[in-house]
Amino acid sequence: MEERVTFKERIKSELSYHNIKLYPYESDELDENEISLNDRIKQQLIPFAIVGSEKNVLIDGKQVRGRRNKWGVINGKLNFALGLFYIL
């Protein structure tokens, strides 16, 4: 868990250093609720990974759309409520 926190902070630091703006963008047109939601997204969810695949992989004996890497398999259907966004 500590490794993940360190990794996220390193990514955020690099984004800031290179002045890379990410969604959700700041806007003068947002109300207080939208600003609060955007702040939570920036603090808690960013960075995240977008996972996509055109291939099926075998997970627990079932074929699912996903991606295999050296750390294991990412099931593209697992977090469908979040779309294909995975919180790092």
Protein backbone atom coordinates (compact mmCIF):
# COMPACT_ATOMS: atom_id res chain seq x y z
CA MET A 1 0.00 0.00 0.00
CA GLU A 2 2.82 2.40 0.86
CA GLU A 3 4.41 1.72 -2.54
CA ARG A 4 1.17 2.71 -4.27
CA VAL A 5 0.93 5.98 -2.31
CA THR A 6 4.54 6.81 -3.16
CA PHE A 7 3.92 5.98 -6.83
CA LYS A 8 0.81 8.20 -6.98
CA GLU A 9 2.65 11.10 -5.34
CA ARG A 10 5.53 10.75 -7.82
CA ILE A 11 3.10 10.88 -10.75
CA LYS A 12 1.30 13.91 -9.29
CA SER A 13 4.65 15.63 -8.74
CA GLU A 14 5.72 15.00 -12.36
CA LEU A 15 2.39 16.28 -13.68
CA SER A 16 2.72 19.44 -11.62
CA TYR A 17 6.38 19.98 -12.54
CA HIS A 18 5.58 19.76 -16.26
CA ASN A 19 2.42 21.87 -15.82
CA ILE A 20 0.18 19.15 -17.26
CA LYS A 21 -3.50 19.89 -16.65
CA LEU A 22 -5.85 16.97 -16.13
CA TYR A 23 -9.58 16.49 -16.01
CA PRO A 24 -11.55 17.71 -14.14
CA TYR A 25 -10.58 21.14 -15.39
CA GLU A 26 -11.05 24.24 -13.28
CA SER A 27 -13.74 26.63 -14.44
CA ASP A 28 -15.41 29.81 -13.20
CA GLU A 29 -18.75 28.31 -14.21
CA LEU A 30 -18.74 25.55 -11.58
CA ASP A 31 -20.92 25.72 -8.48
CA GLU A 32 -19.71 24.78 -4.97
CA ASN A 33 -20.85 21.14 -5.26
CA GLU A 34 -19.04 20.67 -8.57
CA ILE A 35 -15.88 22.28 -7.20
CA SER A 36 -16.02 20.00 -4.14
CA LEU A 37 -16.54 16.91 -6.31
CA ASN A 38 -13.66 17.89 -8.61
CA ASP A 39 -11.37 18.45 -5.61
CA ARG A 40 -12.22 14.96 -4.27
CA ILE A 41 -11.53 13.43 -7.68
CA LYS A 42 -8.17 15.18 -7.89
CA GLN A 43 -7.16 14.20 -4.36
CA GLN A 44 -8.46 10.63 -4.23
CA LEU A 45 -8.70 9.24 -7.75
CA ILE A 46 -5.95 10.82 -9.80
CA PRO A 47 -3.88 9.22 -11.12
CA PHE A 48 -5.90 6.36 -12.56
CA ALA A 49 -5.33 3.92 -15.35
CA ILE A 50 -7.53 3.33 -18.36
CA VAL A 51 -7.58 -0.31 -19.34
CA GLY A 52 -8.71 -1.49 -22.72
CA SER A 53 -8.35 -4.73 -24.61
CA GLU A 54 -9.56 -6.48 -27.72
CA LYS A 55 -8.45 -9.87 -26.39
CA ASN A 56 -10.00 -12.36 -24.03
CA VAL A 57 -7.90 -13.86 -21.24
CA LEU A 58 -8.59 -16.77 -18.93
CA ILE A 59 -9.42 -15.84 -15.31
CA ASP A 60 -10.58 -18.54 -12.89
CA GLY A 61 -11.54 -20.78 -15.80
CA LYS A 62 -13.61 -18.08 -17.54
CA GLN A 63 -12.82 -16.12 -20.69
CA VAL A 64 -13.07 -12.38 -20.01
CA ARG A 65 -11.99 -9.31 -21.90
CA GLY A 66 -8.83 -8.17 -20.20
CA ARG A 67 -5.13 -7.58 -20.32
CA ARG A 68 -2.29 -9.74 -19.03
CA ASN A 69 0.93 -8.17 -17.78
CA LYS A 70 3.88 -9.34 -15.70
CA TRP A 71 1.98 -8.66 -12.46
CA GLY A 72 -1.14 -10.59 -13.42
CA VAL A 73 -4.36 -10.02 -15.30
CA ILE A 74 -6.59 -6.95 -15.33
CA ASN A 75 -10.22 -7.87 -15.85
CA GLY A 76 -11.79 -5.18 -18.05
CA LYS A 77 -15.30 -6.10 -16.88
CA LEU A 78 -14.58 -6.18 -13.15
CA ASN A 79 -15.10 -2.48 -12.44
CA PHE A 80 -17.73 -1.81 -15.08
CA ALA A 81 -19.46 0.70 -12.77
CA LEU A 82 -16.32 2.84 -13.12
CA GLY A 83 -16.09 2.17 -16.84
CA LEU A 84 -12.59 1.04 -17.64
CA PHE A 85 -10.96 3.41 -15.16
CA TYR A 86 -8.89 1.75 -12.46
CA ILE A 87 -7.85 3.70 -9.41
CA LEU A 88 -4.14 3.23 -8.85
